[in-house]
């Protein structure tokens, strides 16, 4: 099979990109074309130049371009823009009359005018059935109400960011990426909601642009609070400049800033110039005895022997062993063994019979 001529098209500024079959049309970036979509015919702009792709790698249900946009198509698109403004004003009036808790963002006409899509934001679910009836009776066409989020609202409305430039989401950012406070901490930014939040009230999308770069550059820097040994003595890391690859040290009450290469050189020189620590004395055993030497090994053990009483007669030995004896007899019992009391039972006494 022959390769297909694929071209990417976007229908809105900084909108999502869709692939279409360019057929034999000679297209370049910026050309306006008419295509068939699930919602009907629409006019889009070519974003990428045509490229040859094998049929196996093409997306399923690939649709082809109908034609390039003519002067009549461009005039119809300009007329739809004017009609969108009028539809948005009328819908806003109806929303105020009915006191509906919703904010109308934008109205969009399809290219052939067969449907009007109203984009709105709300905190919860909104019952807009009566509103749709009013809009259908006035415009005599199909009406669709679509609820969007605050980030999509900022993308469609547009504006200027705190940097003074056009919002990223409305200028070039086609897909939203998840952003967290961890990204702001990694870049050393102040965790002030007014400074790290955009027009939509969410975290700035640009926080994710340099997050990976900061993580790579932080790997070679020591963490804050780490203690290092320099030639002048011990020092502690107070702060670090990730982009400049510098760290601020506190050494003997004074602060100094050094580049990471210079710091590593200082640490290596201090480690090579330091003397080896003295060996610890041999630990004694639990009884604090001195270590055994060759002299102590050959020295015989001193044994304490009791004097034997072999020369004494048997009676004297008995007297010495039991001094509290009389005439060599049995020892006098100074204290008699106390008798163990009888164990009492809890059995009740048997009743006595009265005679």
C-alpha atoms as a PDB file:
ATOM      1  CA  UNK A   1       0.000   0.000   0.000  1.00  0.00           C
ATOM      2  CA  UNK A   2       1.100   3.543  -0.728  1.00  0.00           C
ATOM      3  CA  UNK A   3       1.962   5.922   2.078  1.00  0.00           C
ATOM      4  CA  UNK A   4      -0.644   8.481   3.078  1.00  0.00           C
ATOM      5  CA  UNK A   5      -0.111  12.220   3.057  1.00  0.00           C
ATOM      6  CA  UNK A   6      -0.936  13.267   6.649  1.00  0.00           C
ATOM      7  CA  UNK A   7      -1.332  16.862   7.824  1.00  0.00           C
ATOM      8  CA  UNK A   8      -2.080  18.268  11.336  1.00  0.00           C
ATOM      9  CA  UNK A   9      -4.864  20.821  11.756  1.00  0.00           C
ATOM     10  CA  UNK A  10      -5.998  22.993  14.676  1.00  0.00           C
ATOM     11  CA  UNK A  11      -9.423  24.646  14.900  1.00  0.00           C
ATOM     12  CA  UNK A  12      -8.628  27.198  17.611  1.00  0.00           C
ATOM     13  CA  UNK A  13      -5.640  29.238  18.591  1.00  0.00           C
ATOM     14  CA  UNK A  14      -3.431  26.997  20.785  1.00  0.00           C
ATOM     15  CA  UNK A  15      -6.085  24.301  20.493  1.00  0.00           C
ATOM     16  CA  UNK A  16      -5.678  20.563  20.172  1.00  0.00           C
ATOM     17  CA  UNK A  17      -4.152  19.123  17.019  1.00  0.00           C
ATOM     18  CA  UNK A  18      -5.908  16.544  14.821  1.00  0.00           C
ATOM     19  CA  UNK A  19      -4.551  14.562  11.882  1.00  0.00           C
ATOM     20  CA  UNK A  20      -6.283  14.470   8.489  1.00  0.00           C
ATOM     21  CA  UNK A  21      -5.543  12.958   5.119  1.00  0.00           C
ATOM     22  CA  UNK A  22      -4.277  15.741   2.828  1.00  0.00           C
ATOM     23  CA  UNK A  23      -4.892  13.683  -0.335  1.00  0.00           C
ATOM     24  CA  UNK A  24      -3.264  15.496  -3.274  1.00  0.00           C
ATOM     25  CA  UNK A  25      -3.606  19.021  -1.893  1.00  0.00           C
ATOM     26  CA  UNK A  26      -0.418  21.066  -1.761  1.00  0.00           C
ATOM     27  CA  UNK A  27      -0.584  22.641   1.694  1.00  0.00           C
ATOM     28  CA  UNK A  28       1.777  24.632   3.837  1.00  0.00           C
ATOM     29  CA  UNK A  29       1.700  25.889   7.421  1.00  0.00           C
ATOM     30  CA  UNK A  30      -0.951  28.570   7.961  1.00  0.00           C
ATOM     31  CA  UNK A  31      -3.353  27.549   5.162  1.00  0.00           C
ATOM     32  CA  UNK A  32      -7.095  27.423   5.926  1.00  0.00           C
ATOM     33  CA  UNK A  33      -8.950  24.238   4.947  1.00  0.00           C
ATOM     34  CA  UNK A  34     -12.481  22.840   5.248  1.00  0.00           C
ATOM     35  CA  UNK A  35     -12.791  19.410   6.884  1.00  0.00           C
ATOM     36  CA  UNK A  36     -15.554  17.091   8.037  1.00  0.00           C
ATOM     37  CA  UNK A  37     -15.657  16.429  11.797  1.00  0.00           C
ATOM     38  CA  UNK A  38     -17.987  14.611  14.174  1.00  0.00           C
ATOM     39  CA  UNK A  39     -19.774  17.898  14.869  1.00  0.00           C
ATOM     40  CA  UNK A  40     -20.095  18.793  11.178  1.00  0.00           C
ATOM     41  CA  UNK A  41     -18.071  20.851   8.774  1.00  0.00           C
ATOM     42  CA  UNK A  42     -15.443  23.133  10.244  1.00  0.00           C
ATOM     43  CA  UNK A  43     -12.643  25.379   9.088  1.00  0.00           C
ATOM     44  CA  UNK A  44      -9.182  24.773  10.494  1.00  0.00           C
ATOM     45  CA  UNK A  45      -5.620  25.954  10.066  1.00  0.00           C
ATOM     46  CA  UNK A  46      -2.680  23.811   9.006  1.00  0.00           C
ATOM     47  CA  UNK A  47      -0.164  23.511  11.852  1.00  0.00           C
ATOM     48  CA  UNK A  48       2.441  21.108  10.429  1.00  0.00           C
ATOM     49  CA  UNK A  49       3.581  20.464   6.913  1.00  0.00           C
ATOM     50  CA  UNK A  50       2.302  17.302   5.163  1.00  0.00           C
ATOM     51  CA  UNK A  51       4.284  14.134   5.893  1.00  0.00           C
ATOM     52  CA  UNK A  52       4.328  10.660   4.439  1.00  0.00           C
ATOM     53  CA  UNK A  53       3.056   7.974   6.826  1.00  0.00           C
ATOM     54  CA  UNK A  54       2.390   4.288   6.353  1.00  0.00           C
ATOM     55  CA  UNK A  55      -1.249   3.177   6.739  1.00  0.00           C
ATOM     56  CA  UNK A  56      -0.338   1.015   9.744  1.00  0.00           C
ATOM     57  CA  UNK A  57       0.783   4.043  11.771  1.00  0.00           C
ATOM     58  CA  UNK A  58      -2.144   6.311  10.949  1.00  0.00           C
ATOM     59  CA  UNK A  59      -4.905   6.881  13.541  1.00  0.00           C
ATOM     60  CA  UNK A  60      -8.167   4.935  13.089  1.00  0.00           C
ATOM     61  CA  UNK A  61     -11.135   6.568  11.330  1.00  0.00           C
ATOM     62  CA  UNK A  62      -8.881   9.048   9.571  1.00  0.00           C
ATOM     63  CA  UNK A  63     -10.888  11.637   7.632  1.00  0.00           C
ATOM     64  CA  UNK A  64      -9.796  13.530   4.567  1.00  0.00           C
ATOM     65  CA  UNK A  65      -9.708  17.242   3.818  1.00  0.00           C
ATOM     66  CA  UNK A  66     -12.640  18.420   1.700  1.00  0.00           C
ATOM     67  CA  UNK A  67     -11.097  21.514   0.127  1.00  0.00           C
ATOM     68  CA  UNK A  68      -9.027  24.563   0.791  1.00  0.00           C
ATOM     69  CA  UNK A  69     -10.892  27.569   2.169  1.00  0.00           C
ATOM     70  CA  UNK A  70     -12.233  30.009  -0.419  1.00  0.00           C
ATOM     71  CA  UNK A  71     -13.133  33.687  -0.085  1.00  0.00           C
ATOM     72  CA  UNK A  72     -16.742  32.745   0.591  1.00  0.00           C
ATOM     73  CA  UNK A  73     -15.651  30.438   3.407  1.00  0.00           C
ATOM     74  CA  UNK A  74     -13.533  33.152   4.982  1.00  0.00           C
ATOM     75  CA  UNK A  75     -16.415  35.648   4.818  1.00  0.00           C
ATOM     76  CA  UNK A  76     -18.753  33.084   6.394  1.00  0.00           C
ATOM     77  CA  UNK A  77     -16.244  32.565   9.227  1.00  0.00           C
ATOM     78  CA  UNK A  78     -16.065  36.325   9.851  1.00  0.00           C
ATOM     79  CA  UNK A  79     -19.875  36.515   9.898  1.00  0.00           C
ATOM     80  CA  UNK A  80     -19.968  33.688  12.468  1.00  0.00           C
ATOM     81  CA  UNK A  81     -17.659  35.672  14.732  1.00  0.00           C
ATOM     82  CA  UNK A  82     -20.072  38.609  14.719  1.00  0.00           C
ATOM     83  CA  UNK A  83     -23.045  36.329  15.342  1.00  0.00           C
ATOM     84  CA  UNK A  84     -21.202  34.701  18.279  1.00  0.00           C
ATOM     85  CA  UNK A  85     -20.910  38.076  20.015  1.00  0.00           C
ATOM     86  CA  UNK A  86     -24.643  38.750  19.614  1.00  0.00           C
ATOM     87  CA  UNK A  87     -25.526  35.270  20.876  1.00  0.00           C
ATOM     88  CA  UNK A  88     -23.327  35.703  23.932  1.00  0.00           C
ATOM     89  CA  UNK A  89     -24.974  39.038  24.814  1.00  0.00           C
ATOM     90  CA  UNK A  90     -28.479  37.604  24.491  1.00  0.00           C
ATOM     91  CA  UNK A  91     -27.631  34.508  26.541  1.00  0.00           C
ATOM     92  CA  UNK A  92     -26.062  36.665  29.266  1.00  0.00           C
ATOM     93  CA  UNK A  93     -29.283  38.688  29.562  1.00  0.00           C
ATOM     94  CA  UNK A  94     -31.363  35.533  29.951  1.00  0.00           C
ATOM     95  CA  UNK A  95     -29.014  34.211  32.625  1.00  0.00           C
ATOM     96  CA  UNK A  96     -29.416  37.413  34.654  1.00  0.00           C
ATOM     97  CA  UNK A  97     -33.202  37.401  34.267  1.00  0.00           C
ATOM     98  CA  UNK A  98     -33.429  33.869  35.602  1.00  0.00           C
ATOM     99  CA  UNK A  99     -30.850  34.475  38.389  1.00  0.00           C
ATOM    100  CA  UNK A 100     -28.879  31.403  37.400  1.00  0.00           C
ATOM    101  CA  UNK A 101     -25.686  30.626  39.316  1.00  0.00           C
ATOM    102  CA  UNK A 102     -23.407  30.316  36.281  1.00  0.00           C
ATOM    103  CA  UNK A 103     -20.877  32.397  34.364  1.00  0.00           C
ATOM    104  CA  UNK A 104     -21.101  32.520  30.590  1.00  0.00           C
ATOM    105  CA  UNK A 105     -17.659  32.380  28.978  1.00  0.00           C
ATOM    106  CA  UNK A 106     -18.094  32.157  25.233  1.00  0.00           C
ATOM    107  CA  UNK A 107     -20.492  31.310  22.427  1.00  0.00           C
ATOM    108  CA  UNK A 108     -19.325  29.363  19.371  1.00  0.00           C
ATOM    109  CA  UNK A 109     -21.100  28.935  16.037  1.00  0.00           C
ATOM    110  CA  UNK A 110     -20.329  25.905  13.927  1.00  0.00           C
ATOM    111  CA  UNK A 111     -19.075  26.683  10.434  1.00  0.00           C
ATOM    112  CA  UNK A 112     -22.374  25.838   8.738  1.00  0.00           C
ATOM    113  CA  UNK A 113     -24.439  27.512  11.495  1.00  0.00           C
ATOM    114  CA  UNK A 114     -26.270  24.306  12.400  1.00  0.00           C
ATOM    115  CA  UNK A 115     -25.470  24.545  16.130  1.00  0.00           C
ATOM    116  CA  UNK A 116     -24.449  27.092  18.773  1.00  0.00           C
ATOM    117  CA  UNK A 117     -22.277  25.948  21.690  1.00  0.00           C
ATOM    118  CA  UNK A 118     -22.338  28.031  24.893  1.00  0.00           C
ATOM    119  CA  UNK A 119     -19.408  27.533  27.292  1.00  0.00           C
ATOM    120  CA  UNK A 120     -19.970  28.361  30.964  1.00  0.00           C
ATOM    121  CA  UNK A 121     -18.463  27.784  34.395  1.00  0.00           C
ATOM    122  CA  UNK A 122     -20.287  26.977  37.632  1.00  0.00           C
ATOM    123  CA  UNK A 123     -19.518  25.627  41.077  1.00  0.00           C
ATOM    124  CA  UNK A 124     -21.989  22.774  40.771  1.00  0.00           C
ATOM    125  CA  UNK A 125     -24.650  21.376  38.503  1.00  0.00           C
ATOM    126  CA  UNK A 126     -27.025  23.877  36.855  1.00  0.00           C
ATOM    127  CA  UNK A 127     -30.539  23.255  35.581  1.00  0.00           C
ATOM    128  CA  UNK A 128     -30.560  25.183  32.285  1.00  0.00           C
ATOM    129  CA  UNK A 129     -33.513  23.528  30.555  1.00  0.00           C
ATOM    130  CA  UNK A 130     -35.616  26.705  30.567  1.00  0.00           C
ATOM    131  CA  UNK A 131     -32.646  28.692  29.300  1.00  0.00           C
ATOM    132  CA  UNK A 132     -32.145  26.303  26.371  1.00  0.00           C
ATOM    133  CA  UNK A 133     -35.802  26.710  25.402  1.00  0.00           C
ATOM    134  CA  UNK A 134     -35.465  30.487  25.311  1.00  0.00           C
ATOM    135  CA  UNK A 135     -32.295  30.291  23.205  1.00  0.00           C
ATOM    136  CA  UNK A 136     -33.798  27.762  20.786  1.00  0.00           C
ATOM    137  CA  UNK A 137     -36.899  29.901  20.228  1.00  0.00           C
ATOM    138  CA  UNK A 138     -34.775  32.974  19.554  1.00  0.00           C
ATOM    139  CA  UNK A 139     -32.035  31.543  17.307  1.00  0.00           C
ATOM    140  CA  UNK A 140     -34.086  28.783  15.643  1.00  0.00           C
ATOM    141  CA  UNK A 141     -31.178  26.299  15.735  1.00  0.00           C
ATOM    142  CA  UNK A 142     -29.738  23.586  17.937  1.00  0.00           C
ATOM    143  CA  UNK A 143     -28.319  24.707  21.303  1.00  0.00           C
ATOM    144  CA  UNK A 144     -25.612  22.972  23.353  1.00  0.00           C
ATOM    145  CA  UNK A 145     -24.543  24.035  26.866  1.00  0.00           C
ATOM    146  CA  UNK A 146     -21.043  22.870  27.828  1.00  0.00           C
ATOM    147  CA  UNK A 147     -19.555  23.314  31.318  1.00  0.00           C
ATOM    148  CA  UNK A 148     -15.788  23.892  31.476  1.00  0.00           C
ATOM    149  CA  UNK A 149     -13.173  24.437  34.189  1.00  0.00           C
ATOM    150  CA  UNK A 150     -11.367  27.582  35.237  1.00  0.00           C
ATOM    151  CA  UNK A 151      -8.210  26.686  33.281  1.00  0.00           C
ATOM    152  CA  UNK A 152     -10.227  26.223  30.089  1.00  0.00           C
ATOM    153  CA  UNK A 153     -11.927  29.538  30.805  1.00  0.00           C
ATOM    154  CA  UNK A 154      -8.577  31.352  30.959  1.00  0.00           C
ATOM    155  CA  UNK A 155      -7.541  29.604  27.721  1.00  0.00           C
ATOM    156  CA  UNK A 156     -10.608  30.850  25.837  1.00  0.00           C
ATOM    157  CA  UNK A 157     -10.784  34.344  27.328  1.00  0.00           C
ATOM    158  CA  UNK A 158      -7.025  35.057  27.222  1.00  0.00           C
ATOM    159  CA  UNK A 159      -5.143  37.842  29.005  1.00  0.00           C
ATOM    160  CA  UNK A 160      -1.752  38.839  30.369  1.00  0.00           C
ATOM    161  CA  UNK A 161       0.154  36.962  33.050  1.00  0.00           C
ATOM    162  CA  UNK A 162       2.223  38.301  35.933  1.00  0.00           C
ATOM    163  CA  UNK A 163       5.264  38.155  33.638  1.00  0.00           C
ATOM    164  CA  UNK A 164       3.683  40.760  31.370  1.00  0.00           C
ATOM    165  CA  UNK A 165       3.279  38.399  28.416  1.00  0.00           C
ATOM    166  CA  UNK A 166       0.240  36.682  26.929  1.00  0.00           C
ATOM    167  CA  UNK A 167      -1.008  33.650  28.813  1.00  0.00           C
ATOM    168  CA  UNK A 168       0.755  30.426  27.836  1.00  0.00           C
ATOM    169  CA  UNK A 169      -2.511  28.506  27.608  1.00  0.00           C
ATOM    170  CA  UNK A 170      -3.995  30.957  25.093  1.00  0.00           C
ATOM    171  CA  UNK A 171      -0.821  31.512  23.048  1.00  0.00           C
ATOM    172  CA  UNK A 172       1.053  28.206  22.593  1.00  0.00           C
ATOM    173  CA  UNK A 173       0.194  25.662  25.327  1.00  0.00           C
ATOM    174  CA  UNK A 174      -2.111  23.089  23.743  1.00  0.00           C
ATOM    175  CA  UNK A 175      -2.428  20.609  26.634  1.00  0.00           C
ATOM    176  CA  UNK A 176      -2.530  21.238  30.361  1.00  0.00           C
ATOM    177  CA  UNK A 177       0.064  19.437  32.478  1.00  0.00           C
ATOM    178  CA  UNK A 178      -0.302  18.736  36.231  1.00  0.00           C
ATOM    179  CA  UNK A 179       1.469  21.325  38.397  1.00  0.00           C
ATOM    180  CA  UNK A 180       2.199  20.934  42.145  1.00  0.00           C
ATOM    181  CA  UNK A 181       3.685  23.023  44.956  1.00  0.00           C
ATOM    182  CA  UNK A 182       6.671  20.653  44.941  1.00  0.00           C
ATOM    183  CA  UNK A 183       7.805  22.273  41.688  1.00  0.00           C
ATOM    184  CA  UNK A 184       7.807  25.724  43.267  1.00  0.00           C
ATOM    185  CA  UNK A 185       9.796  24.456  46.269  1.00  0.00           C
ATOM    186  CA  UNK A 186      12.399  22.830  44.031  1.00  0.00           C
ATOM    187  CA  UNK A 187      12.997  26.162  42.263  1.00  0.00           C
ATOM    188  CA  UNK A 188      13.308  28.101  45.526  1.00  0.00           C
ATOM    189  CA  UNK A 189      10.238  30.291  44.920  1.00  0.00           C
ATOM    190  CA  UNK A 190       8.295  31.989  47.679  1.00  0.00           C
ATOM    191  CA  UNK A 191       5.147  29.997  48.451  1.00  0.00           C
ATOM    192  CA  UNK A 192       2.938  33.048  48.099  1.00  0.00           C
ATOM    193  CA  UNK A 193      -0.365  32.191  46.358  1.00  0.00           C
ATOM    194  CA  UNK A 194      -0.525  35.582  44.644  1.00  0.00           C
ATOM    195  CA  UNK A 195       2.908  35.073  43.047  1.00  0.00           C
ATOM    196  CA  UNK A 196       2.713  31.442  41.960  1.00  0.00           C
ATOM    197  CA  UNK A 197      -0.926  31.476  40.763  1.00  0.00           C
ATOM    198  CA  UNK A 198      -2.209  32.519  37.353  1.00  0.00           C
ATOM    199  CA  UNK A 199      -5.335  34.239  36.086  1.00  0.00           C
ATOM    200  CA  UNK A 200      -7.338  31.055  36.582  1.00  0.00           C
ATOM    201  CA  UNK A 201      -6.461  30.855  40.273  1.00  0.00           C
ATOM    202  CA  UNK A 202      -4.438  27.670  39.798  1.00  0.00           C
ATOM    203  CA  UNK A 203      -0.672  27.229  39.958  1.00  0.00           C
ATOM    204  CA  UNK A 204       1.288  28.706  37.060  1.00  0.00           C
ATOM    205  CA  UNK A 205       1.788  26.337  34.139  1.00  0.00           C
ATOM    206  CA  UNK A 206       5.312  27.688  33.647  1.00  0.00           C
ATOM    207  CA  UNK A 207       6.417  26.076  36.939  1.00  0.00           C
ATOM    208  CA  UNK A 208       6.711  22.783  35.067  1.00  0.00           C
ATOM    209  CA  UNK A 209       8.993  24.143  32.350  1.00  0.00           C
ATOM    210  CA  UNK A 210      12.270  24.129  34.317  1.00  0.00           C
ATOM    211  CA  UNK A 211      11.434  21.587  37.009  1.00  0.00           C
ATOM    212  CA  UNK A 212      13.496  18.781  35.460  1.00  0.00           C
ATOM    213  CA  UNK A 213      16.437  21.126  34.848  1.00  0.00           C
ATOM    214  CA  UNK A 214      16.489  22.194  38.504  1.00  0.00           C
ATOM    215  CA  UNK A 215      16.418  18.563  39.637  1.00  0.00           C
ATOM    216  CA  UNK A 216      19.403  17.735  37.433  1.00  0.00           C
ATOM    217  CA  UNK A 217      21.426  20.742  38.622  1.00  0.00           C
ATOM    218  CA  UNK A 218      20.694  20.038  42.295  1.00  0.00           C
ATOM    219  CA  UNK A 219      22.285  16.604  42.188  1.00  0.00           C
ATOM    220  CA  UNK A 220      25.833  17.997  42.357  1.00  0.00           C
ATOM    221  CA  UNK A 221      25.166  20.460  45.208  1.00  0.00           C
ATOM    222  CA  UNK A 222      25.260  19.550  48.924  1.00  0.00           C
ATOM    223  CA  UNK A 223      22.061  19.920  50.896  1.00  0.00           C
ATOM    224  CA  UNK A 224      21.474  22.776  53.309  1.00  0.00           C
ATOM    225  CA  UNK A 225      22.677  21.910  56.814  1.00  0.00           C
ATOM    226  CA  UNK A 226      25.400  19.533  55.663  1.00  0.00           C
ATOM    227  CA  UNK A 227      28.741  19.893  57.438  1.00  0.00           C
ATOM    228  CA  UNK A 228      31.961  19.779  55.419  1.00  0.00           C
ATOM    229  CA  UNK A 229      35.618  19.835  56.377  1.00  0.00           C
ATOM    230  CA  UNK A 230      37.791  22.545  54.796  1.00  0.00           C
ATOM    231  CA  UNK A 231      41.375  23.676  55.299  1.00  0.00           C
ATOM    232  CA  UNK A 232      40.274  26.424  57.651  1.00  0.00           C
ATOM    233  CA  UNK A 233      38.138  24.005  59.682  1.00  0.00           C
ATOM    234  CA  UNK A 234      34.621  22.683  59.741  1.00  0.00           C
ATOM    235  CA  UNK A 235      31.885  24.539  57.850  1.00  0.00           C
ATOM    236  CA  UNK A 236      28.138  24.210  57.350  1.00  0.00           C
ATOM    237  CA  UNK A 237      26.107  24.774  54.188  1.00  0.00           C
ATOM    238  CA  UNK A 238      23.581  27.569  54.771  1.00  0.00           C
ATOM    239  CA  UNK A 239      22.118  28.182  51.302  1.00  0.00           C
ATOM    240  CA  UNK A 240      22.758  27.351  47.671  1.00  0.00           C
ATOM    241  CA  UNK A 241      22.283  29.020  44.299  1.00  0.00           C
ATOM    242  CA  UNK A 242      21.212  26.258  41.917  1.00  0.00           C
ATOM    243  CA  UNK A 243      21.532  28.152  38.636  1.00  0.00           C
ATOM    244  CA  UNK A 244      24.940  29.652  39.519  1.00  0.00           C
ATOM    245  CA  UNK A 245      26.113  26.354  41.069  1.00  0.00           C
ATOM    246  CA  UNK A 246      27.306  28.142  44.224  1.00  0.00           C
ATOM    247  CA  UNK A 247      26.841  27.447  47.943  1.00  0.00           C
ATOM    248  CA  UNK A 248      27.032  29.724  50.979  1.00  0.00           C
ATOM    249  CA  UNK A 249      29.032  28.342  53.914  1.00  0.00           C
ATOM    250  CA  UNK A 250      29.295  29.346  57.569  1.00  0.00           C
ATOM    251  CA  UNK A 251      32.848  28.808  58.863  1.00  0.00           C
ATOM    252  CA  UNK A 252      33.843  30.040  62.345  1.00  0.00           C
ATOM    253  CA  UNK A 253      31.006  32.544  62.423  1.00  0.00           C
ATOM    254  CA  UNK A 254      31.841  33.999  58.995  1.00  0.00           C
ATOM    255  CA  UNK A 255      29.989  33.491  55.736  1.00  0.00           C
ATOM    256  CA  UNK A 256      31.607  32.806  52.398  1.00  0.00           C
ATOM    257  CA  UNK A 257      30.295  31.817  48.968  1.00  0.00           C
ATOM    258  CA  UNK A 258      32.078  29.222  46.875  1.00  0.00           C
ATOM    259  CA  UNK A 259      31.546  27.523  43.539  1.00  0.00           C
ATOM    260  CA  UNK A 260      30.841  23.828  43.670  1.00  0.00           C
ATOM    261  CA  UNK A 261      34.094  22.974  41.834  1.00  0.00           C
ATOM    262  CA  UNK A 262      36.114  25.066  44.281  1.00  0.00           C
ATOM    263  CA  UNK A 263      34.311  23.521  47.232  1.00  0.00           C
ATOM    264  CA  UNK A 264      35.022  19.982  46.087  1.00  0.00           C
ATOM    265  CA  UNK A 265      38.676  20.877  45.606  1.00  0.00           C
ATOM    266  CA  UNK A 266      38.856  22.291  49.150  1.00  0.00           C
ATOM    267  CA  UNK A 267      37.241  19.192  50.611  1.00  0.00           C
ATOM    268  CA  UNK A 268      39.625  16.836  48.782  1.00  0.00           C
ATOM    269  CA  UNK A 269      42.703  18.821  49.830  1.00  0.00           C
ATOM    270  CA  UNK A 270      41.555  18.912  53.456  1.00  0.00           C
ATOM    271  CA  UNK A 271      40.980  15.146  53.388  1.00  0.00           C
ATOM    272  CA  UNK A 272      44.434  14.403  51.911  1.00  0.00           C
ATOM    273  CA  UNK A 273      46.252  16.762  54.279  1.00  0.00           C
ATOM    274  CA  UNK A 274      44.661  15.449  57.458  1.00  0.00           C
ATOM    275  CA  UNK A 275      46.565  12.868  59.506  1.00  0.00           C
ATOM    276  CA  UNK A 276      45.140   9.466  60.230  1.00  0.00           C
ATOM    277  CA  UNK A 277      43.353   9.272  63.552  1.00  0.00           C
ATOM    278  CA  UNK A 278      45.139   7.423  66.349  1.00  0.00           C
ATOM    279  CA  UNK A 279      44.039   3.871  66.955  1.00  0.00           C
ATOM    280  CA  UNK A 280      41.763   3.261  69.857  1.00  0.00           C
ATOM    281  CA  UNK A 281      43.238   1.334  72.832  1.00  0.00           C
ATOM    282  CA  UNK A 282      42.329  -2.288  73.063  1.00  0.00           C
ATOM    283  CA  UNK A 283      39.129  -2.745  74.965  1.00  0.00           C
ATOM    284  CA  UNK A 284      39.428  -4.640  78.240  1.00  0.00           C
ATOM    285  CA  UNK A 285      37.096  -7.384  79.239  1.00  0.00           C
ATOM    286  CA  UNK A 286      34.119  -6.846  81.480  1.00  0.00           C
ATOM    287  CA  UNK A 287      36.195  -7.353  84.679  1.00  0.00           C
ATOM    288  CA  UNK A 288      38.747  -4.709  83.560  1.00  0.00           C
ATOM    289  CA  UNK A 289      41.579  -7.228  83.647  1.00  0.00           C
ATOM    290  CA  UNK A 290      44.846  -6.390  81.892  1.00  0.00           C
ATOM    291  CA  UNK A 291      45.603  -8.382  78.751  1.00  0.00           C
ATOM    292  CA  UNK A 292      47.372 -11.675  79.291  1.00  0.00           C
ATOM    293  CA  UNK A 293      51.084 -11.733  78.502  1.00  0.00           C
ATOM    294  CA  UNK A 294      53.507 -14.654  78.096  1.00  0.00           C
ATOM    295  CA  UNK A 295      54.667 -14.255  81.703  1.00  0.00           C
ATOM    296  CA  UNK A 296      51.129 -14.432  83.016  1.00  0.00           C
ATOM    297  CA  UNK A 297      50.407 -17.473  80.909  1.00  0.00           C
ATOM    298  CA  UNK A 298      53.295 -19.507  82.353  1.00  0.00           C
ATOM    299  CA  UNK A 299      52.588 -18.354  85.901  1.00  0.00           C
ATOM    300  CA  UNK A 300      50.726 -21.035  87.848  1.00  0.00           C
ATOM    301  CA  UNK A 301      47.403 -20.153  89.317  1.00  0.00           C
ATOM    302  CA  UNK A 302      47.297 -19.495  93.047  1.00  0.00           C
ATOM    303  CA  UNK A 303      44.787 -21.684  94.758  1.00  0.00           C
ATOM    304  CA  UNK A 304      43.600 -21.007  98.287  1.00  0.00           C
ATOM    305  CA  UNK A 305      43.448 -24.192 100.365  1.00  0.00           C
ATOM    306  CA  UNK A 306      41.879 -24.438 103.741  1.00  0.00           C
ATOM    307  CA  UNK A 307      43.965 -25.910 106.590  1.00  0.00           C
ATOM    308  CA  UNK A 308      43.160 -29.494 107.246  1.00  0.00           C
ATOM    309  CA  UNK A 309      42.110 -30.578 110.758  1.00  0.00           C
ATOM    310  CA  UNK A 310      43.480 -34.099 110.526  1.00  0.00           C
ATOM    311  CA  UNK A 311      45.536 -33.895 113.767  1.00  0.00           C
ATOM    312  CA  UNK A 312      42.605 -32.926 115.921  1.00  0.00           C
ATOM    313  CA  UNK A 313      40.495 -35.636 117.472  1.00  0.00           C
ATOM    314  CA  UNK A 314      37.015 -36.266 116.198  1.00  0.00           C
ATOM    315  CA  UNK A 315      35.334 -34.700 119.258  1.00  0.00           C
ATOM    316  CA  UNK A 316      37.346 -31.477 118.948  1.00  0.00           C
ATOM    317  CA  UNK A 317      36.519 -31.285 115.297  1.00  0.00           C
ATOM    318  CA  UNK A 318      32.871 -31.627 116.150  1.00  0.00           C
ATOM    319  CA  UNK A 319      33.205 -28.888 118.789  1.00  0.00           C
ATOM    320  CA  UNK A 320      34.902 -26.529 116.367  1.00  0.00           C
ATOM    321  CA  UNK A 321      32.339 -27.244 113.723  1.00  0.00           C
ATOM    322  CA  UNK A 322      29.404 -26.898 116.117  1.00  0.00           C
ATOM    323  CA  UNK A 323      30.402 -24.563 118.909  1.00  0.00           C
ATOM    324  CA  UNK A 324      26.949 -24.636 120.485  1.00  0.00           C
ATOM    325  CA  UNK A 325      27.120 -28.265 121.629  1.00  0.00           C
ATOM    326  CA  UNK A 326      27.255 -29.738 125.092  1.00  0.00           C
ATOM    327  CA  UNK A 327      29.672 -32.527 125.893  1.00  0.00           C
ATOM    328  CA  UNK A 328      30.144 -33.327 122.246  1.00  0.00           C
ATOM    329  CA  UNK A 329      26.504 -34.274 121.885  1.00  0.00           C
ATOM    330  CA  UNK A 330      23.891 -33.023 119.523  1.00  0.00           C
ATOM    331  CA  UNK A 331      23.587 -29.263 119.177  1.00  0.00           C
ATOM    332  CA  UNK A 332      21.167 -27.517 121.459  1.00  0.00           C
ATOM    333  CA  UNK A 333      18.096 -26.333 119.713  1.00  0.00           C
ATOM    334  CA  UNK A 334      17.782 -22.715 120.732  1.00  0.00           C
ATOM    335  CA  UNK A 335      14.669 -22.241 118.662  1.00  0.00           C
ATOM    336  CA  UNK A 336      12.107 -24.895 118.116  1.00  0.00           C
ATOM    337  CA  UNK A 337      10.545 -25.309 114.761  1.00  0.00           C
ATOM    338  CA  UNK A 338       7.203 -23.672 114.663  1.00  0.00           C
ATOM    339  CA  UNK A 339       4.436 -26.038 113.834  1.00  0.00           C
ATOM    340  CA  UNK A 340       2.516 -25.364 110.738  1.00  0.00           C
ATOM    341  CA  UNK A 341      -1.115 -24.639 111.596  1.00  0.00           C
ATOM    342  CA  UNK A 342      -3.722 -26.966 110.352  1.00  0.00           C
ATOM    343  CA  UNK A 343      -5.421 -26.047 107.210  1.00  0.00           C
ATOM    344  CA  UNK A 344      -8.889 -24.854 107.877  1.00  0.00           C
ATOM    345  CA  UNK A 345     -11.641 -25.747 105.562  1.00  0.00           C
ATOM    346  CA  UNK A 346     -14.679 -23.686 104.777  1.00  0.00           C
ATOM    347  CA  UNK A 347     -17.000 -26.565 105.447  1.00  0.00           C
ATOM    348  CA  UNK A 348     -19.822 -25.607 107.768  1.00  0.00           C
ATOM    349  CA  UNK A 349     -20.012 -27.394 111.085  1.00  0.00           C
ATOM    350  CA  UNK A 350     -22.513 -30.209 111.328  1.00  0.00           C
ATOM    351  CA  UNK A 351     -25.533 -29.232 113.346  1.00  0.00           C
ATOM    352  CA  UNK A 352     -25.730 -30.927 116.730  1.00  0.00           C
ATOM    353  CA  UNK A 353     -28.838 -32.839 117.576  1.00  0.00           C
ATOM    354  CA  UNK A 354     -30.719 -31.644 120.668  1.00  0.00           C
ATOM    355  CA  UNK A 355     -31.582 -34.475 122.926  1.00  0.00           C
END
